[in-house]
């Protein structure tokens, strides 16, 4: 059976050596080439020498005025530049054309349900050619294995090998329904010690942190409800079951619809950086991911948040 691949690969020099050669050829200066490549001039010289040794040919003539391509060097530059352009085009096709019509997003459940879902139709109207595949869980995903373009994570930022864009201006504040507020006049933070408090396991800042931050003593009570998802805590508060300590990012839709309101008129909130857009460096270059990041940045900005 015929195969599209050759049985024997032709000799190929180091790509780094090729990049150094092209940069020196284009600039005519080792120092400038080194700056562009973000390496030392000595490293550039070594890479050029290694390429010339590999080829057994001189690619540059050197003088006190600098370097100049030899006749062989000019011909080689033309050939490898074309080859690198082909590699670049092929790479772009792989990054942008495979499943281009689907943007695959994984999200922390509460962010996906409370913040992203209400806005997905707006995204669809702006970008009708893009379809979205959205999965939500607190599971640790692997981008290549799970075929995910971008992950919206909740927690502490601890992913040094990935691109991380943290959502800023998120704050934690007590919220309750309008009916609950009418029946429970609250003036000071200490007044909450005698109220029905709802706890969420998922928040980075809990009631104990919040009371300690406000230097309130004597907080030692059982919660009326305990949930492992913020959207459950928000729904319980909306039903008038008590007070939640939640982020203004996740509670925003309930506030806009007047299902919830802040317990305090004054700003007694705590700042938190709990949500992050996380992606591999290769995903960051995808057109569909760039489109989504730009859109979500604008939506967050309109709501008072930033990336």
Protein backbone atom coordinates (compact mmCIF):
# COMPACT_ATOMS: atom_id res chain seq x y z
CA UNK A 1 0.00 0.00 0.00
CA UNK A 2 1.33 3.40 -0.93
CA UNK A 3 2.05 5.88 1.88
CA UNK A 4 2.15 9.70 1.61
CA UNK A 5 5.23 9.77 3.83
CA UNK A 6 8.78 9.08 2.56
CA UNK A 7 10.49 5.98 3.89
CA UNK A 8 13.60 7.97 4.66
CA UNK A 9 13.52 11.48 6.12
CA UNK A 10 15.77 14.05 4.48
CA UNK A 11 18.36 15.73 6.76
CA UNK A 12 16.90 18.65 8.72
CA UNK A 13 19.04 21.01 10.83
CA UNK A 14 18.00 22.48 14.15
CA UNK A 15 15.05 24.87 13.86
CA UNK A 16 16.74 27.21 16.33
CA UNK A 17 19.77 27.36 14.06
CA UNK A 18 17.50 28.13 11.11
CA UNK A 19 15.74 30.90 13.06
CA UNK A 20 19.07 32.45 14.01
CA UNK A 21 20.25 32.26 10.39
CA UNK A 22 17.12 33.98 9.06
CA UNK A 23 17.27 36.70 11.72
CA UNK A 24 20.94 37.47 11.02
CA UNK A 25 20.30 37.41 7.27
CA UNK A 26 17.39 39.83 7.60
CA UNK A 27 19.14 42.25 9.98
CA UNK A 28 22.72 41.88 8.79
CA UNK A 29 23.79 42.28 12.40
CA UNK A 30 24.48 39.68 15.09
CA UNK A 31 23.67 42.02 17.98
CA UNK A 32 20.29 43.08 16.57
CA UNK A 33 19.45 39.47 15.73
CA UNK A 34 20.27 38.49 19.32
CA UNK A 35 17.92 41.19 20.66
CA UNK A 36 15.09 39.98 18.40
CA UNK A 37 15.64 36.37 19.48
CA UNK A 38 16.09 37.33 23.14
CA UNK A 39 19.38 35.46 23.41
CA UNK A 40 23.02 36.53 23.62
CA UNK A 41 25.14 37.52 20.65
CA UNK A 42 27.47 34.64 21.49
CA UNK A 43 24.55 32.21 21.31
CA UNK A 44 23.63 33.54 17.86
CA UNK A 45 27.22 33.09 16.67
CA UNK A 46 27.27 29.52 17.95
CA UNK A 47 23.98 28.70 16.22
CA UNK A 48 25.23 30.11 12.89
CA UNK A 49 28.48 28.17 13.25
CA UNK A 50 26.57 24.99 14.08
CA UNK A 51 24.41 25.41 10.97
CA UNK A 52 27.42 26.04 8.74
CA UNK A 53 29.15 22.96 10.17
CA UNK A 54 26.01 20.91 9.56
CA UNK A 55 25.79 22.08 5.95
CA UNK A 56 29.52 22.09 5.32
CA UNK A 57 29.12 25.48 3.64
CA UNK A 58 29.77 29.09 4.58
CA UNK A 59 26.54 31.07 4.71
CA UNK A 60 28.04 34.44 5.68
CA UNK A 61 31.17 36.36 4.88
CA UNK A 62 32.41 38.26 7.90
CA UNK A 63 34.25 41.58 8.01
CA UNK A 64 34.77 44.53 10.35
CA UNK A 65 31.56 46.01 8.93
CA UNK A 66 29.46 43.01 9.92
CA UNK A 67 28.13 39.93 8.13
CA UNK A 68 26.92 39.43 4.58
CA UNK A 69 25.25 36.46 2.93
CA UNK A 70 27.35 34.40 0.58
CA UNK A 71 25.86 33.28 -2.73
CA UNK A 72 25.02 29.91 -1.16
CA UNK A 73 23.62 31.72 1.87
CA UNK A 74 21.28 33.81 -0.32
CA UNK A 75 19.97 30.71 -2.05
CA UNK A 76 19.55 28.85 1.24
CA UNK A 77 17.69 31.82 2.78
CA UNK A 78 15.19 31.82 -0.06
CA UNK A 79 14.52 28.10 0.28
CA UNK A 80 14.23 27.88 4.10
CA UNK A 81 12.14 31.04 4.34
CA UNK A 82 9.59 29.49 2.01
CA UNK A 83 9.66 26.25 3.99
CA UNK A 84 9.08 28.08 7.29
CA UNK A 85 6.16 29.97 5.78
CA UNK A 86 4.63 26.63 4.80
CA UNK A 87 5.17 25.32 8.35
CA UNK A 88 3.59 28.49 9.75
CA UNK A 89 0.57 28.19 7.48
CA UNK A 90 0.14 24.51 8.37
CA UNK A 91 0.40 25.31 12.07
CA UNK A 92 -2.21 28.05 11.76
CA UNK A 93 -4.57 25.66 9.99
CA UNK A 94 -4.19 23.07 12.74
CA UNK A 95 -4.74 25.66 15.50
CA UNK A 96 -7.67 27.45 13.89
CA UNK A 97 -9.42 25.10 11.49
CA UNK A 98 -9.88 21.86 13.47
CA UNK A 99 -13.38 22.02 14.99
CA UNK A 100 -13.37 25.76 14.24
CA UNK A 101 -17.16 25.89 14.48
CA UNK A 102 -17.09 24.76 18.14
CA UNK A 103 -15.71 26.67 21.09
CA UNK A 104 -15.23 24.17 23.89
CA UNK A 105 -15.52 25.74 27.34
CA UNK A 106 -15.27 24.13 30.74
CA UNK A 107 -16.45 26.18 33.71
CA UNK A 108 -16.85 26.09 37.45
CA UNK A 109 -20.55 25.19 37.91
CA UNK A 110 -21.81 28.36 39.61
CA UNK A 111 -20.05 30.71 37.20
CA UNK A 112 -21.32 28.71 34.24
CA UNK A 113 -24.91 28.69 35.49
CA UNK A 114 -25.22 32.12 37.13
CA UNK A 115 -22.98 34.35 35.02
CA UNK A 116 -22.21 32.73 31.67
CA UNK A 117 -25.50 31.04 30.78
CA UNK A 118 -27.62 34.23 30.91
CA UNK A 119 -25.21 35.83 28.41
CA UNK A 120 -24.67 32.98 25.94
CA UNK A 121 -27.47 34.08 23.64
CA UNK A 122 -25.86 37.52 23.44
CA UNK A 123 -22.60 35.86 22.40
CA UNK A 124 -24.45 33.73 19.84
CA UNK A 125 -26.10 36.80 18.33
CA UNK A 126 -22.71 38.51 17.98
CA UNK A 127 -20.91 35.42 16.64
CA UNK A 128 -23.52 33.15 14.97
CA UNK A 129 -20.85 31.10 13.17
CA UNK A 130 -19.45 29.84 16.48
CA UNK A 131 -21.13 27.03 18.38
CA UNK A 132 -20.42 26.55 22.06
CA UNK A 133 -19.87 23.29 23.90
CA UNK A 134 -20.10 24.06 27.63
CA UNK A 135 -19.37 21.60 30.43
CA UNK A 136 -19.44 22.46 34.13
CA UNK A 137 -17.76 20.70 37.05
CA UNK A 138 -15.10 21.13 39.70
CA UNK A 139 -13.12 18.26 38.21
CA UNK A 140 -9.53 18.84 37.19
CA UNK A 141 -9.50 18.74 33.40
CA UNK A 142 -6.66 18.17 30.95
CA UNK A 143 -6.95 20.40 27.91
CA UNK A 144 -5.71 17.97 25.26
CA UNK A 145 -7.33 14.86 26.75
CA UNK A 146 -10.71 16.54 27.33
CA UNK A 147 -10.58 18.62 24.14
CA UNK A 148 -11.12 21.93 25.98
CA UNK A 149 -10.18 25.34 24.56
CA UNK A 150 -10.64 27.44 27.70
CA UNK A 151 -11.37 26.65 31.34
CA UNK A 152 -13.06 29.11 33.72
CA UNK A 153 -11.77 28.02 37.10
CA UNK A 154 -12.70 28.89 40.68
CA UNK A 155 -10.02 28.88 43.35
CA UNK A 156 -6.51 30.12 44.01
CA UNK A 157 -4.40 30.78 40.93
CA UNK A 158 -1.80 27.99 40.86
CA UNK A 159 -1.20 27.08 37.23
CA UNK A 160 2.27 28.48 36.31
CA UNK A 161 2.53 26.62 32.99
CA UNK A 162 -0.80 27.95 31.65
CA UNK A 163 -2.14 31.32 30.56
CA UNK A 164 -4.17 32.72 33.48
CA UNK A 165 -6.42 35.78 33.21
CA UNK A 166 -7.86 36.59 36.65
CA UNK A 167 -11.20 38.38 36.99
CA UNK A 168 -10.68 41.49 39.12
CA UNK A 169 -12.99 43.56 41.36
CA UNK A 170 -14.88 40.54 42.68
CA UNK A 171 -16.03 41.10 46.26
CA UNK A 172 -17.73 39.06 49.00
CA UNK A 173 -20.77 40.58 50.72
CA UNK A 174 -23.83 39.37 52.69
CA UNK A 175 -27.05 39.18 50.67
CA UNK A 176 -30.65 38.33 51.47
CA UNK A 177 -34.08 38.55 49.86
CA UNK A 178 -36.17 41.71 50.09
CA UNK A 179 -38.76 39.89 52.25
CA UNK A 180 -36.09 38.68 54.68
CA UNK A 181 -34.63 42.18 54.96
CA UNK A 182 -38.03 43.66 55.79
CA UNK A 183 -38.47 41.23 58.69
CA UNK A 184 -34.90 41.47 59.99
CA UNK A 185 -33.65 45.02 60.55
CA UNK A 186 -29.85 44.88 60.44
CA UNK A 187 -27.66 47.88 61.25
CA UNK A 188 -24.25 46.49 62.21
CA UNK A 189 -22.16 43.48 61.27
CA UNK A 190 -22.56 42.11 64.79
CA UNK A 191 -26.34 41.89 64.26
CA UNK A 192 -25.81 38.97 61.90
CA UNK A 193 -24.66 36.77 64.81
CA UNK A 194 -28.31 36.28 65.77
CA UNK A 195 -29.52 35.65 62.20
CA UNK A 196 -29.98 32.51 60.11
CA UNK A 197 -26.81 32.24 58.07
CA UNK A 198 -26.39 30.06 54.99
CA UNK A 199 -22.96 28.57 54.32
CA UNK A 200 -21.40 27.67 50.97
CA UNK A 201 -18.47 25.24 50.94
CA UNK A 202 -17.23 26.53 47.60
CA UNK A 203 -16.43 30.16 48.45
CA UNK A 204 -12.81 31.13 49.11
CA UNK A 205 -13.93 33.50 51.88
CA UNK A 206 -16.38 32.04 54.41
CA UNK A 207 -18.36 33.53 57.28
CA UNK A 208 -15.56 32.90 59.75
CA UNK A 209 -13.08 34.79 57.53
CA UNK A 210 -15.54 37.63 57.04
CA UNK A 211 -16.38 38.08 60.72
CA UNK A 212 -12.67 37.90 61.65
CA UNK A 213 -11.86 40.54 59.03
CA UNK A 214 -14.47 42.81 60.66
CA UNK A 215 -13.03 41.99 64.13
CA UNK A 216 -16.34 40.50 65.30
CA UNK A 217 -15.96 38.15 68.27
CA UNK A 218 -18.28 35.43 69.43
CA UNK A 219 -18.99 33.80 66.06
CA UNK A 220 -19.61 30.17 66.97
CA UNK A 221 -22.87 28.80 65.67
CA UNK A 222 -24.30 26.13 63.42
CA UNK A 223 -25.52 27.17 59.98
CA UNK A 224 -29.17 26.74 59.13
CA UNK A 225 -28.15 25.42 55.69
CA UNK A 226 -24.86 24.25 54.21
CA UNK A 227 -24.42 23.88 50.44
CA UNK A 228 -21.52 22.83 48.23
CA UNK A 229 -22.47 25.10 45.31
CA UNK A 230 -22.91 28.87 45.27
CA UNK A 231 -25.93 28.67 42.98
CA UNK A 232 -27.71 26.57 45.64
CA UNK A 233 -26.86 29.09 48.37
CA UNK A 234 -28.09 31.96 46.19
CA UNK A 235 -31.33 30.14 45.46
CA UNK A 236 -31.88 29.47 49.18
CA UNK A 237 -31.37 33.15 49.97
CA UNK A 238 -33.71 34.13 47.15
CA UNK A 239 -36.36 31.93 48.78
CA UNK A 240 -35.99 33.92 52.00
CA UNK A 241 -34.29 31.17 54.02
CA UNK A 242 -31.49 33.32 55.42
CA UNK A 243 -28.37 35.35 54.65
CA UNK A 244 -25.57 34.26 52.33
CA UNK A 245 -21.99 35.48 52.02
CA UNK A 246 -21.45 35.50 48.30
CA UNK A 247 -19.52 37.20 45.52
CA UNK A 248 -21.01 40.17 43.69
CA UNK A 249 -19.94 38.45 40.46
CA UNK A 250 -22.15 35.39 41.01
CA UNK A 251 -24.96 37.27 42.73
CA UNK A 252 -25.10 39.93 40.03
CA UNK A 253 -28.04 38.50 38.06
CA UNK A 254 -30.12 38.04 41.24
CA UNK A 255 -29.33 41.62 42.24
CA UNK A 256 -30.29 42.94 38.82
CA UNK A 257 -33.62 41.09 38.99
CA UNK A 258 -34.05 42.30 42.60
CA UNK A 259 -34.27 38.74 43.90
CA UNK A 260 -31.50 39.63 46.36
CA UNK A 261 -30.16 42.80 47.91
CA UNK A 262 -27.10 43.66 50.02
CA UNK A 263 -27.74 43.38 53.74
CA UNK A 264 -25.68 46.52 54.37
CA UNK A 265 -25.94 49.84 52.60
CA UNK A 266 -22.30 50.62 53.38
CA UNK A 267 -19.53 48.72 51.64
CA UNK A 268 -18.35 46.11 54.12
CA UNK A 269 -17.24 43.69 51.41
CA UNK A 270 -13.99 41.72 51.16
CA UNK A 271 -11.99 41.60 47.95
CA UNK A 272 -11.39 38.17 46.42
CA UNK A 273 -9.75 36.89 43.22
CA UNK A 274 -11.66 33.66 42.84
CA UNK A 275 -12.38 33.21 39.10
CA UNK A 276 -9.83 32.81 36.33
CA UNK A 277 -9.81 32.21 32.59
CA UNK A 278 -7.22 29.46 32.09
CA UNK A 279 -5.89 28.07 28.83
CA UNK A 280 -2.77 26.57 27.23
CA UNK A 281 -0.52 28.95 25.33
CA UNK A 282 -1.56 27.26 22.08
CA UNK A 283 -5.25 27.92 22.80
CA UNK A 284 -4.52 31.59 23.37
CA UNK A 285 -3.59 31.86 19.68
CA UNK A 286 -6.85 30.37 18.40
CA UNK A 287 -9.14 32.86 16.69
CA UNK A 288 -12.24 31.48 18.42
CA UNK A 289 -10.60 31.76 21.85
CA UNK A 290 -9.43 35.31 21.15
CA UNK A 291 -12.98 36.15 20.11
CA UNK A 292 -14.44 34.73 23.32
CA UNK A 293 -11.84 36.37 25.60
CA UNK A 294 -12.47 39.75 23.98
CA UNK A 295 -16.24 39.32 24.33
CA UNK A 296 -16.17 38.15 27.95
CA UNK A 297 -13.75 40.96 28.84
CA UNK A 298 -16.23 43.50 27.46
CA UNK A 299 -19.15 41.85 29.30
CA UNK A 300 -17.23 41.80 32.57
CA UNK A 301 -16.18 45.43 32.12
CA UNK A 302 -19.79 46.45 31.56
CA UNK A 303 -20.67 44.76 34.88
CA UNK A 304 -17.83 46.48 36.77
CA UNK A 305 -15.21 43.72 36.57
CA UNK A 306 -11.91 43.45 34.70
CA UNK A 307 -9.55 40.82 33.38
